[in-house]
Amino acid sequence: MALRQSARQLLRAAGARSYAAHAARAGEEVIAINEAHKGTSSVMEVPQRLLMGPGPSNAHPRILAAQSLPLLGHMHPPFLKIMDDISDGLRCARWARSLAAAAAAAAAA
């Protein structure tokens, strides 16, 4: 803290001005920034409407909740579990289809 104060004192002694003071060109006045337009930093309130056009439409609250969850990468263990379940299901469906085809071929023979 003392070092920061001594640096400020040295700058003042050397004639340095604050950023706001030297940000303007020679002869220009620096205007203070009014941040009243920013408002509060809360969540934006969007009214609920039923959109029935061909463009973007309302998402179900369950979808919006799912989109707010953290993303899973393709190497995360939960994602790998999901992929294993999918491939097991596809393997069963393919096996059942080939079994049905074999049964139909046997019945035709």
Protein backbone atom coordinates (compact mmCIF):
# COMPACT_ATOMS: atom_id res chain seq x y z
CA MET A 1 0.00 0.00 0.00
CA ALA A 2 2.82 2.37 0.88
CA LEU A 3 4.56 1.55 -2.40
CA ARG A 4 1.40 2.38 -4.35
CA GLN A 5 1.01 5.69 -2.54
CA SER A 6 4.64 6.61 -3.09
CA ALA A 7 4.30 5.81 -6.81
CA ARG A 8 1.29 8.10 -7.03
CA GLN A 9 3.16 10.84 -5.22
CA LEU A 10 6.11 10.48 -7.62
CA LEU A 11 3.80 10.66 -10.63
CA ARG A 12 2.10 13.76 -9.28
CA ALA A 13 5.43 15.37 -8.55
CA ALA A 14 6.55 14.61 -12.11
CA GLY A 15 3.42 16.30 -13.46
CA ALA A 16 1.62 13.16 -14.61
CA ARG A 17 -2.13 13.43 -14.91
CA SER A 18 -4.76 10.76 -14.40
CA TYR A 19 -5.92 8.73 -17.40
CA ALA A 20 -9.19 10.62 -17.64
CA ALA A 21 -7.35 13.89 -17.70
CA HIS A 22 -4.99 12.99 -20.55
CA ALA A 23 -7.39 10.78 -22.54
CA ALA A 24 -8.71 13.79 -24.42
CA ARG A 25 -6.82 15.65 -27.11
CA ALA A 26 -5.33 19.01 -26.33
CA GLY A 27 -8.11 21.51 -25.78
CA GLU A 28 -10.84 18.87 -25.41
CA GLU A 29 -12.78 18.27 -22.26
CA VAL A 30 -13.26 14.76 -20.89
CA ILE A 31 -16.94 14.08 -20.25
CA ALA A 32 -17.89 11.84 -17.35
CA ILE A 33 -19.53 8.56 -18.42
CA ASN A 34 -23.13 8.10 -17.37
CA GLU A 35 -23.83 4.41 -16.70
CA ALA A 36 -27.53 4.83 -15.94
CA HIS A 37 -28.42 2.92 -19.13
CA LYS A 38 -26.87 -0.28 -17.76
CA GLY A 39 -29.66 -0.84 -15.26
CA THR A 40 -29.50 -3.75 -12.84
CA SER A 41 -27.38 -6.81 -13.47
CA SER A 42 -30.22 -9.28 -12.96
CA VAL A 43 -31.56 -11.88 -15.38
CA MET A 44 -33.43 -10.44 -18.34
CA GLU A 45 -37.19 -10.89 -18.03
CA VAL A 46 -38.66 -12.22 -21.28
CA PRO A 47 -42.46 -12.53 -21.49
CA GLN A 48 -43.89 -15.95 -22.31
CA ARG A 49 -45.50 -15.97 -25.76
CA LEU A 50 -46.81 -18.75 -27.93
CA LEU A 51 -44.95 -18.50 -31.23
CA MET A 52 -46.68 -20.38 -34.02
CA GLY A 53 -44.77 -19.14 -37.06
CA PRO A 54 -42.25 -20.98 -39.22
CA GLY A 55 -39.29 -19.35 -37.48
CA PRO A 56 -37.78 -19.96 -34.07
CA SER A 57 -40.42 -21.13 -31.63
CA ASN A 58 -40.73 -21.53 -27.89
CA ALA A 59 -38.75 -24.29 -26.26
CA HIS A 60 -40.30 -26.45 -23.55
CA PRO A 61 -39.08 -25.52 -20.03
CA ARG A 62 -37.52 -29.00 -19.74
CA ILE A 63 -35.39 -28.25 -22.82
CA LEU A 64 -34.36 -24.87 -21.43
CA ALA A 65 -33.37 -26.51 -18.14
CA ALA A 66 -31.30 -29.14 -19.99
CA GLN A 67 -29.53 -26.44 -21.99
CA SER A 68 -28.49 -24.70 -18.80
CA LEU A 69 -26.60 -27.78 -17.54
CA PRO A 70 -22.84 -28.11 -18.05
CA LEU A 71 -21.84 -29.75 -21.32
CA LEU A 72 -20.43 -33.27 -21.54
CA GLY A 73 -17.35 -33.80 -23.63
CA HIS A 74 -16.94 -36.87 -25.83
CA MET A 75 -14.34 -38.29 -23.41
CA HIS A 76 -16.29 -37.78 -20.15
CA PRO A 77 -17.23 -41.06 -18.41
CA PRO A 78 -21.00 -40.30 -18.40
CA PHE A 79 -20.88 -39.70 -22.16
CA LEU A 80 -18.98 -42.95 -22.70
CA LYS A 81 -21.67 -44.77 -20.68
CA ILE A 82 -24.37 -43.27 -22.90
CA MET A 83 -22.47 -44.36 -26.02
CA ASP A 84 -22.06 -47.89 -24.64
CA ASP A 85 -25.82 -48.09 -23.97
CA ILE A 86 -26.58 -46.88 -27.50
CA SER A 87 -24.21 -49.36 -29.10
CA ASP A 88 -25.66 -52.21 -27.02
CA GLY A 89 -29.14 -51.24 -28.20
CA LEU A 90 -28.02 -51.08 -31.83
CA ARG A 91 -26.28 -54.45 -31.49
CA CYS A 92 -29.50 -56.00 -30.13
CA ALA A 93 -31.59 -54.44 -32.91
CA ARG A 94 -29.19 -55.70 -35.59
CA TRP A 95 -29.09 -59.17 -34.02
CA ALA A 96 -32.90 -59.28 -33.85
CA ARG A 97 -33.17 -58.21 -37.50
CA SER A 98 -30.69 -60.85 -38.65
CA LEU A 99 -32.48 -63.48 -36.51
CA ALA A 100 -35.82 -62.52 -38.10
CA ALA A 101 -34.28 -62.72 -41.58
CA ALA A 102 -32.84 -66.16 -40.79
CA ALA A 103 -36.21 -67.35 -39.49
CA ALA A 104 -37.96 -66.05 -42.61
CA ALA A 105 -35.40 -67.78 -44.85
CA ALA A 106 -35.82 -71.03 -42.94
CA ALA A 107 -39.60 -70.82 -43.21
CA ALA A 108 -39.39 -70.21 -46.94
CA ALA A 109 -37.13 -73.19 -47.52
